[in-house]
Amino acid sequence: MVQQYDYARSFQGRYDAVTGQPASGERARPMLAVAGYSWGGISNVFAAARDSRISALINLDGSVRFLPAKRFTEYSRAEVSQSHSWMARYALQFADAYLKGDARTSTGPAPTQEMLAAEAAKSGFGQLQQVYEGMRKRDAKFEIEESSLNEWGYALLRRKEPQAAIAVLKLATVLHPDSGNAYDSLAEAYESIQDKAQAISNYQRALQLDPKNDNAVLHLKELGAPQ
């Protein structure tokens, strides 16, 4: 349930969630949004008919909310949980914007790694950091864990897309500047395209941050560079 308070003396421009007719009032009242599945969703309709505070209904029947043993085998449990969390964030943002009476407060779907990848791909990943920063302005809670960036970068390397991988792993060093592993991974990406200078520089930085990084020591030795 999401709740906001409207202290305006008039509710002109707001609509009843059941009848669709404009609602009006002369005193402050809490504005509620209710969400539910199946019978819970139906119950919300009846509740809205009796409670004038309810101004938005969200029906969640179209979302996947559980993973039976032999169903949805094309998705992992982690993927189902993640998609459900996206849906919940979208619903929350909609309710928050609607109850404030100004749809302009909504900035669209909550950013995801998939959206970031799609937008970055339009410029060949050359503008990845700028795209990420733009999404952060839309949603300050949006962030990608270092481990996810690392996995993403190596996945791109396996797909023979080294420049895109470098952009992703470089973003990891920007977001996690104290991580020796982030620089180590970036160094490996540069090494994959025979950029010896950048590989050495990033391996050395990785070793500075983590003196026990045996991988960086090994690669610097193979590249003939000082540790």
C-alpha atoms as a PDB file:
ATOM      1  CA  MET A   1       0.000   0.000   0.000  1.00  0.00           C
ATOM      2  CA  VAL A   2       1.266   3.468  -0.889  1.00  0.00           C
ATOM      3  CA  GLN A   3      -0.020   6.545   0.895  1.00  0.00           C
ATOM      4  CA  GLN A   4       0.312  10.257   0.188  1.00  0.00           C
ATOM      5  CA  TYR A   5      -1.532  13.215   1.658  1.00  0.00           C
ATOM      6  CA  ASP A   6      -3.228  15.882  -0.422  1.00  0.00           C
ATOM      7  CA  TYR A   7      -3.640  19.118   1.523  1.00  0.00           C
ATOM      8  CA  ALA A   8      -5.332  21.038  -1.286  1.00  0.00           C
ATOM      9  CA  ARG A   9      -8.881  22.164  -0.573  1.00  0.00           C
ATOM     10  CA  SER A  10     -10.046  20.833  -3.896  1.00  0.00           C
ATOM     11  CA  PHE A  11      -9.358  17.503  -5.589  1.00  0.00           C
ATOM     12  CA  GLN A  12     -10.123  18.740  -9.061  1.00  0.00           C
ATOM     13  CA  GLY A  13      -8.327  16.624 -11.603  1.00  0.00           C
ATOM     14  CA  ARG A  14      -8.358  13.439  -9.481  1.00  0.00           C
ATOM     15  CA  TYR A  15     -10.579  10.540 -10.375  1.00  0.00           C
ATOM     16  CA  ASP A  16     -12.368   7.867  -8.408  1.00  0.00           C
ATOM     17  CA  ALA A  17     -10.599   4.537  -8.919  1.00  0.00           C
ATOM     18  CA  VAL A  18     -13.863   2.618  -9.420  1.00  0.00           C
ATOM     19  CA  THR A  19     -16.266   4.953 -11.197  1.00  0.00           C
ATOM     20  CA  GLY A  20     -13.717   6.960 -13.135  1.00  0.00           C
ATOM     21  CA  GLN A  21     -15.577  10.137 -12.211  1.00  0.00           C
ATOM     22  CA  PRO A  22     -13.812  13.257 -10.904  1.00  0.00           C
ATOM     23  CA  ALA A  23     -13.505  13.255  -7.124  1.00  0.00           C
ATOM     24  CA  SER A  24     -13.787  16.373  -5.004  1.00  0.00           C
ATOM     25  CA  GLY A  25     -13.456  17.245  -1.357  1.00  0.00           C
ATOM     26  CA  GLU A  26     -13.021  20.137   1.043  1.00  0.00           C
ATOM     27  CA  ARG A  27     -10.488  18.772   3.511  1.00  0.00           C
ATOM     28  CA  ALA A  28      -7.174  17.032   3.544  1.00  0.00           C
ATOM     29  CA  ARG A  29      -7.390  13.278   3.185  1.00  0.00           C
ATOM     30  CA  PRO A  30      -4.903  10.444   2.767  1.00  0.00           C
ATOM     31  CA  MET A  31      -4.644   9.176  -0.804  1.00  0.00           C
ATOM     32  CA  LEU A  32      -4.134   5.433  -1.011  1.00  0.00           C
ATOM     33  CA  ALA A  33      -3.122   2.949  -3.680  1.00  0.00           C
ATOM     34  CA  VAL A  34      -3.770  -0.737  -3.128  1.00  0.00           C
ATOM     35  CA  ALA A  35      -2.283  -3.672  -4.986  1.00  0.00           C
ATOM     36  CA  GLY A  36      -3.199  -7.323  -5.021  1.00  0.00           C
ATOM     37  CA  TYR A  37      -3.363 -10.662  -6.796  1.00  0.00           C
ATOM     38  CA  SER A  38      -6.368 -12.753  -7.745  1.00  0.00           C
ATOM     39  CA  TRP A  39      -9.046 -12.551  -5.040  1.00  0.00           C
ATOM     40  CA  GLY A  40      -6.997  -9.915  -3.273  1.00  0.00           C
ATOM     41  CA  GLY A  41      -7.253  -7.734  -6.367  1.00  0.00           C
ATOM     42  CA  ILE A  42     -11.012  -8.240  -6.537  1.00  0.00           C
ATOM     43  CA  SER A  43     -11.332  -7.425  -2.845  1.00  0.00           C
ATOM     44  CA  ASN A  44      -9.514  -4.165  -3.497  1.00  0.00           C
ATOM     45  CA  VAL A  45     -12.215  -3.143  -5.969  1.00  0.00           C
ATOM     46  CA  PHE A  46     -14.897  -3.624  -3.306  1.00  0.00           C
ATOM     47  CA  ALA A  47     -12.752  -1.797  -0.750  1.00  0.00           C
ATOM     48  CA  ALA A  48     -12.316   1.143  -3.139  1.00  0.00           C
ATOM     49  CA  ALA A  49     -16.090   1.338  -3.587  1.00  0.00           C
ATOM     50  CA  ARG A  50     -16.509   1.845   0.170  1.00  0.00           C
ATOM     51  CA  ASP A  51     -13.367   3.824   1.013  1.00  0.00           C
ATOM     52  CA  SER A  52     -12.945   7.195  -0.676  1.00  0.00           C
ATOM     53  CA  ARG A  53      -9.281   7.325   0.340  1.00  0.00           C
ATOM     54  CA  ILE A  54      -8.402   4.652  -2.227  1.00  0.00           C
ATOM     55  CA  SER A  55      -7.517   6.467  -5.426  1.00  0.00           C
ATOM     56  CA  ALA A  56      -5.546   3.858  -7.371  1.00  0.00           C
ATOM     57  CA  LEU A  57      -5.851   0.112  -7.895  1.00  0.00           C
ATOM     58  CA  ILE A  58      -2.971  -2.036  -9.119  1.00  0.00           C
ATOM     59  CA  ASN A  59      -3.756  -5.519 -10.401  1.00  0.00           C
ATOM     60  CA  LEU A  60      -0.704  -7.782 -10.261  1.00  0.00           C
ATOM     61  CA  ASP A  61      -2.225 -10.913 -11.793  1.00  0.00           C
ATOM     62  CA  GLY A  62      -0.093 -10.554 -14.916  1.00  0.00           C
ATOM     63  CA  SER A  63       3.153 -10.856 -12.953  1.00  0.00           C
ATOM     64  CA  VAL A  64       5.018 -14.029 -12.094  1.00  0.00           C
ATOM     65  CA  ARG A  65       5.104 -14.245  -8.319  1.00  0.00           C
ATOM     66  CA  PHE A  66       6.146 -17.840  -7.643  1.00  0.00           C
ATOM     67  CA  LEU A  67       8.081 -20.656  -9.267  1.00  0.00           C
ATOM     68  CA  PRO A  68       6.366 -24.067  -9.013  1.00  0.00           C
ATOM     69  CA  ALA A  69       8.665 -27.050  -9.301  1.00  0.00           C
ATOM     70  CA  LYS A  70       7.888 -27.926 -12.920  1.00  0.00           C
ATOM     71  CA  ARG A  71       6.743 -24.631 -14.383  1.00  0.00           C
ATOM     72  CA  PHE A  72       8.558 -21.751 -16.056  1.00  0.00           C
ATOM     73  CA  THR A  73      11.503 -24.049 -16.758  1.00  0.00           C
ATOM     74  CA  GLU A  74      12.840 -21.558 -19.326  1.00  0.00           C
ATOM     75  CA  TYR A  75      13.678 -19.155 -16.473  1.00  0.00           C
ATOM     76  CA  SER A  76      15.832 -19.634 -13.410  1.00  0.00           C
ATOM     77  CA  ARG A  77      14.522 -18.807  -9.949  1.00  0.00           C
ATOM     78  CA  ALA A  78      16.892 -15.837  -9.824  1.00  0.00           C
ATOM     79  CA  GLU A  79      15.504 -14.493 -13.121  1.00  0.00           C
ATOM     80  CA  VAL A  80      11.919 -14.833 -11.917  1.00  0.00           C
ATOM     81  CA  SER A  81      12.749 -13.085  -8.634  1.00  0.00           C
ATOM     82  CA  GLN A  82      14.509 -10.285 -10.488  1.00  0.00           C
ATOM     83  CA  SER A  83      11.635  -9.722 -12.921  1.00  0.00           C
ATOM     84  CA  HIS A  84       9.195  -9.663 -10.018  1.00  0.00           C
ATOM     85  CA  SER A  85      11.301  -7.002  -8.277  1.00  0.00           C
ATOM     86  CA  TRP A  86      11.230  -4.880 -11.459  1.00  0.00           C
ATOM     87  CA  MET A  87       7.461  -5.147 -11.596  1.00  0.00           C
ATOM     88  CA  ALA A  88       7.184  -4.105  -7.959  1.00  0.00           C
ATOM     89  CA  ARG A  89       9.360  -1.035  -8.579  1.00  0.00           C
ATOM     90  CA  TYR A  90       7.323  -0.037 -11.640  1.00  0.00           C
ATOM     91  CA  ALA A  91       4.100  -0.364  -9.651  1.00  0.00           C
ATOM     92  CA  LEU A  92       5.504   1.696  -6.793  1.00  0.00           C
ATOM     93  CA  GLN A  93       6.689   4.476  -9.090  1.00  0.00           C
ATOM     94  CA  PHE A  94       3.324   4.592 -10.840  1.00  0.00           C
ATOM     95  CA  ALA A  95       1.428   4.779  -7.546  1.00  0.00           C
ATOM     96  CA  ASP A  96       3.722   7.447  -6.166  1.00  0.00           C
ATOM     97  CA  ALA A  97       3.308   9.601  -9.281  1.00  0.00           C
ATOM     98  CA  TYR A  98      -0.443   9.065  -9.585  1.00  0.00           C
ATOM     99  CA  LEU A  99      -1.215   9.851  -5.962  1.00  0.00           C
ATOM    100  CA  LYS A 100       0.691  13.108  -6.192  1.00  0.00           C
ATOM    101  CA  GLY A 101      -1.610  14.061  -9.045  1.00  0.00           C
ATOM    102  CA  ASP A 102       1.240  14.805 -11.418  1.00  0.00           C
ATOM    103  CA  ALA A 103       2.214  12.089 -13.854  1.00  0.00           C
ATOM    104  CA  ARG A 104       5.261  14.134 -14.794  1.00  0.00           C
ATOM    105  CA  THR A 105       6.931  12.929 -11.600  1.00  0.00           C
ATOM    106  CA  SER A 106       7.278   9.544 -13.284  1.00  0.00           C
ATOM    107  CA  THR A 107      10.427   9.161 -15.383  1.00  0.00           C
ATOM    108  CA  GLY A 108       9.502   5.912 -17.054  1.00  0.00           C
ATOM    109  CA  PRO A 109      10.456   2.349 -16.172  1.00  0.00           C
ATOM    110  CA  ALA A 110      13.034   1.860 -13.460  1.00  0.00           C
ATOM    111  CA  PRO A 111      16.510   1.496 -15.025  1.00  0.00           C
ATOM    112  CA  THR A 112      17.965  -1.989 -15.295  1.00  0.00           C
ATOM    113  CA  GLN A 113      21.216  -3.477 -16.536  1.00  0.00           C
ATOM    114  CA  GLU A 114      19.379  -4.672 -19.642  1.00  0.00           C
ATOM    115  CA  MET A 115      18.193  -1.130 -20.382  1.00  0.00           C
ATOM    116  CA  LEU A 116      21.716   0.174 -19.818  1.00  0.00           C
ATOM    117  CA  ALA A 117      23.131  -2.389 -22.240  1.00  0.00           C
ATOM    118  CA  ALA A 118      20.522  -1.584 -24.881  1.00  0.00           C
ATOM    119  CA  GLU A 119      21.148   2.164 -24.686  1.00  0.00           C
ATOM    120  CA  ALA A 120      24.935   1.778 -24.603  1.00  0.00           C
ATOM    121  CA  ALA A 121      24.877  -0.546 -27.610  1.00  0.00           C
ATOM    122  CA  LYS A 122      23.442   2.271 -29.737  1.00  0.00           C
ATOM    123  CA  SER A 123      26.815   4.024 -29.525  1.00  0.00           C
ATOM    124  CA  GLY A 124      28.913   0.884 -29.579  1.00  0.00           C
ATOM    125  CA  PHE A 125      29.355   1.216 -25.796  1.00  0.00           C
ATOM    126  CA  GLY A 126      31.390   4.361 -26.352  1.00  0.00           C
ATOM    127  CA  GLN A 127      28.978   6.382 -24.189  1.00  0.00           C
ATOM    128  CA  LEU A 128      28.386   3.752 -21.503  1.00  0.00           C
ATOM    129  CA  GLN A 129      29.391   5.907 -18.558  1.00  0.00           C
ATOM    130  CA  GLN A 130      27.290   8.847 -19.754  1.00  0.00           C
ATOM    131  CA  VAL A 131      24.282   6.580 -20.242  1.00  0.00           C
ATOM    132  CA  TYR A 132      24.769   5.141 -16.773  1.00  0.00           C
ATOM    133  CA  GLU A 133      25.007   8.601 -15.218  1.00  0.00           C
ATOM    134  CA  GLY A 134      21.827   9.626 -17.031  1.00  0.00           C
ATOM    135  CA  MET A 135      19.977   6.644 -15.598  1.00  0.00           C
ATOM    136  CA  ARG A 136      21.272   7.492 -12.148  1.00  0.00           C
ATOM    137  CA  LYS A 137      19.775  10.964 -12.495  1.00  0.00           C
ATOM    138  CA  ARG A 138      16.416   9.355 -13.242  1.00  0.00           C
ATOM    139  CA  ASP A 139      16.717   6.905 -10.373  1.00  0.00           C
ATOM    140  CA  ALA A 140      19.343   7.542  -7.694  1.00  0.00           C
ATOM    141  CA  LYS A 141      18.811   4.015  -6.366  1.00  0.00           C
ATOM    142  CA  PHE A 142      19.949   2.433  -9.617  1.00  0.00           C
ATOM    143  CA  GLU A 143      23.321   0.774  -9.309  1.00  0.00           C
ATOM    144  CA  ILE A 144      25.125  -2.281 -10.639  1.00  0.00           C
ATOM    145  CA  GLU A 145      27.233  -4.380  -8.330  1.00  0.00           C
ATOM    146  CA  GLU A 146      30.892  -4.847  -9.136  1.00  0.00           C
ATOM    147  CA  SER A 147      30.402  -8.597  -9.559  1.00  0.00           C
ATOM    148  CA  SER A 148      27.660  -7.997 -12.125  1.00  0.00           C
ATOM    149  CA  LEU A 149      29.846  -5.601 -14.112  1.00  0.00           C
ATOM    150  CA  ASN A 150      32.692  -8.104 -13.978  1.00  0.00           C
ATOM    151  CA  GLU A 151      30.485 -10.933 -15.252  1.00  0.00           C
ATOM    152  CA  TRP A 152      29.066  -8.654 -17.941  1.00  0.00           C
ATOM    153  CA  GLY A 153      32.534  -7.658 -19.129  1.00  0.00           C
ATOM    154  CA  TYR A 154      33.773 -11.234 -19.380  1.00  0.00           C
ATOM    155  CA  ALA A 155      30.593 -12.283 -21.159  1.00  0.00           C
ATOM    156  CA  LEU A 156      31.351  -9.645 -23.800  1.00  0.00           C
ATOM    157  CA  LEU A 157      34.923 -10.908 -24.092  1.00  0.00           C
ATOM    158  CA  ARG A 158      33.609 -14.421 -24.709  1.00  0.00           C
ATOM    159  CA  ARG A 159      31.392 -12.989 -27.438  1.00  0.00           C
ATOM    160  CA  LYS A 160      34.456 -11.456 -29.093  1.00  0.00           C
ATOM    161  CA  GLU A 161      33.376  -7.905 -28.297  1.00  0.00           C
ATOM    162  CA  PRO A 162      36.498  -6.595 -26.547  1.00  0.00           C
ATOM    163  CA  GLN A 163      35.797  -2.869 -26.954  1.00  0.00           C
ATOM    164  CA  ALA A 164      32.398  -3.235 -25.331  1.00  0.00           C
ATOM    165  CA  ALA A 165      33.970  -5.364 -22.597  1.00  0.00           C
ATOM    166  CA  ILE A 166      36.595  -2.693 -21.964  1.00  0.00           C
ATOM    167  CA  ALA A 167      33.874  -0.036 -21.631  1.00  0.00           C
ATOM    168  CA  VAL A 168      31.991  -2.153 -19.077  1.00  0.00           C
ATOM    169  CA  LEU A 169      35.079  -3.054 -17.077  1.00  0.00           C
ATOM    170  CA  LYS A 170      36.304   0.536 -17.192  1.00  0.00           C
ATOM    171  CA  LEU A 171      32.959   1.584 -15.701  1.00  0.00           C
ATOM    172  CA  ALA A 172      33.595  -0.938 -12.931  1.00  0.00           C
ATOM    173  CA  THR A 173      36.854   0.830 -12.046  1.00  0.00           C
ATOM    174  CA  VAL A 174      35.065   4.197 -12.033  1.00  0.00           C
ATOM    175  CA  LEU A 175      32.317   2.951  -9.733  1.00  0.00           C
ATOM    176  CA  HIS A 176      34.641   0.829  -7.592  1.00  0.00           C
ATOM    177  CA  PRO A 177      38.010   2.636  -7.660  1.00  0.00           C
ATOM    178  CA  ASP A 178      39.354   0.750  -4.641  1.00  0.00           C
ATOM    179  CA  SER A 179      38.819  -2.686  -6.159  1.00  0.00           C
ATOM    180  CA  GLY A 180      41.996  -4.421  -7.270  1.00  0.00           C
ATOM    181  CA  ASN A 181      39.918  -7.055  -9.031  1.00  0.00           C
ATOM    182  CA  ALA A 182      38.172  -4.409 -11.165  1.00  0.00           C
ATOM    183  CA  TYR A 183      41.526  -3.177 -12.496  1.00  0.00           C
ATOM    184  CA  ASP A 184      42.779  -6.735 -12.929  1.00  0.00           C
ATOM    185  CA  SER A 185      39.780  -7.570 -15.111  1.00  0.00           C
ATOM    186  CA  LEU A 186      40.198  -4.388 -17.143  1.00  0.00           C
ATOM    187  CA  ALA A 187      43.865  -5.256 -17.665  1.00  0.00           C
ATOM    188  CA  GLU A 188      42.900  -8.669 -19.026  1.00  0.00           C
ATOM    189  CA  ALA A 189      40.489  -7.024 -21.452  1.00  0.00           C
ATOM    190  CA  TYR A 190      43.234  -4.733 -22.746  1.00  0.00           C
ATOM    191  CA  GLU A 191      45.604  -7.677 -22.968  1.00  0.00           C
ATOM    192  CA  SER A 192      43.064  -9.491 -25.157  1.00  0.00           C
ATOM    193  CA  ILE A 193      43.505  -6.799 -27.837  1.00  0.00           C
ATOM    194  CA  GLN A 194      47.291  -6.647 -27.392  1.00  0.00           C
ATOM    195  CA  ASP A 195      47.203  -3.198 -25.810  1.00  0.00           C
ATOM    196  CA  LYS A 196      50.293  -3.904 -23.748  1.00  0.00           C
ATOM    197  CA  ALA A 197      50.679  -0.427 -22.254  1.00  0.00           C
ATOM    198  CA  GLN A 198      47.129  -0.287 -20.895  1.00  0.00           C
ATOM    199  CA  ALA A 199      47.305  -3.891 -19.705  1.00  0.00           C
ATOM    200  CA  ILE A 200      50.503  -3.192 -17.747  1.00  0.00           C
ATOM    201  CA  SER A 201      49.148   0.036 -16.277  1.00  0.00           C
ATOM    202  CA  ASN A 202      45.990  -1.627 -15.007  1.00  0.00           C
ATOM    203  CA  TYR A 203      47.760  -4.734 -13.700  1.00  0.00           C
ATOM    204  CA  GLN A 204      50.120  -2.460 -11.760  1.00  0.00           C
ATOM    205  CA  ARG A 205      47.150  -0.544 -10.328  1.00  0.00           C
ATOM    206  CA  ALA A 206      45.489  -3.842  -9.389  1.00  0.00           C
ATOM    207  CA  LEU A 207      48.641  -4.923  -7.587  1.00  0.00           C
ATOM    208  CA  GLN A 208      48.878  -1.607  -5.739  1.00  0.00           C
ATOM    209  CA  LEU A 209      45.356  -2.079  -4.437  1.00  0.00           C
ATOM    210  CA  ASP A 210      45.841  -5.763  -3.688  1.00  0.00           C
ATOM    211  CA  PRO A 211      49.471  -6.790  -3.148  1.00  0.00           C
ATOM    212  CA  LYS A 212      48.368 -10.429  -2.883  1.00  0.00           C
ATOM    213  CA  ASN A 213      47.000 -10.451  -6.438  1.00  0.00           C
ATOM    214  CA  ASP A 214      48.979 -13.369  -7.878  1.00  0.00           C
ATOM    215  CA  ASN A 215      47.250 -13.046 -11.249  1.00  0.00           C
ATOM    216  CA  ALA A 216      48.538  -9.502 -11.700  1.00  0.00           C
ATOM    217  CA  VAL A 217      52.060 -10.599 -10.687  1.00  0.00           C
ATOM    218  CA  LEU A 218      51.996 -13.433 -13.222  1.00  0.00           C
ATOM    219  CA  HIS A 219      50.742 -11.282 -16.096  1.00  0.00           C
ATOM    220  CA  LEU A 220      53.175  -8.451 -15.383  1.00  0.00           C
ATOM    221  CA  LYS A 221      55.997 -10.995 -15.485  1.00  0.00           C
ATOM    222  CA  GLU A 222      54.731 -12.390 -18.793  1.00  0.00           C
ATOM    223  CA  LEU A 223      54.488  -8.858 -20.205  1.00  0.00           C
ATOM    224  CA  GLY A 224      58.013  -8.087 -19.068  1.00  0.00           C
ATOM    225  CA  ALA A 225      56.922  -5.216 -16.882  1.00  0.00           C
ATOM    226  CA  PRO A 226      58.027  -4.172 -13.391  1.00  0.00           C
ATOM    227  CA  GLN A 227      55.626  -5.021 -10.586  1.00  0.00           C
END
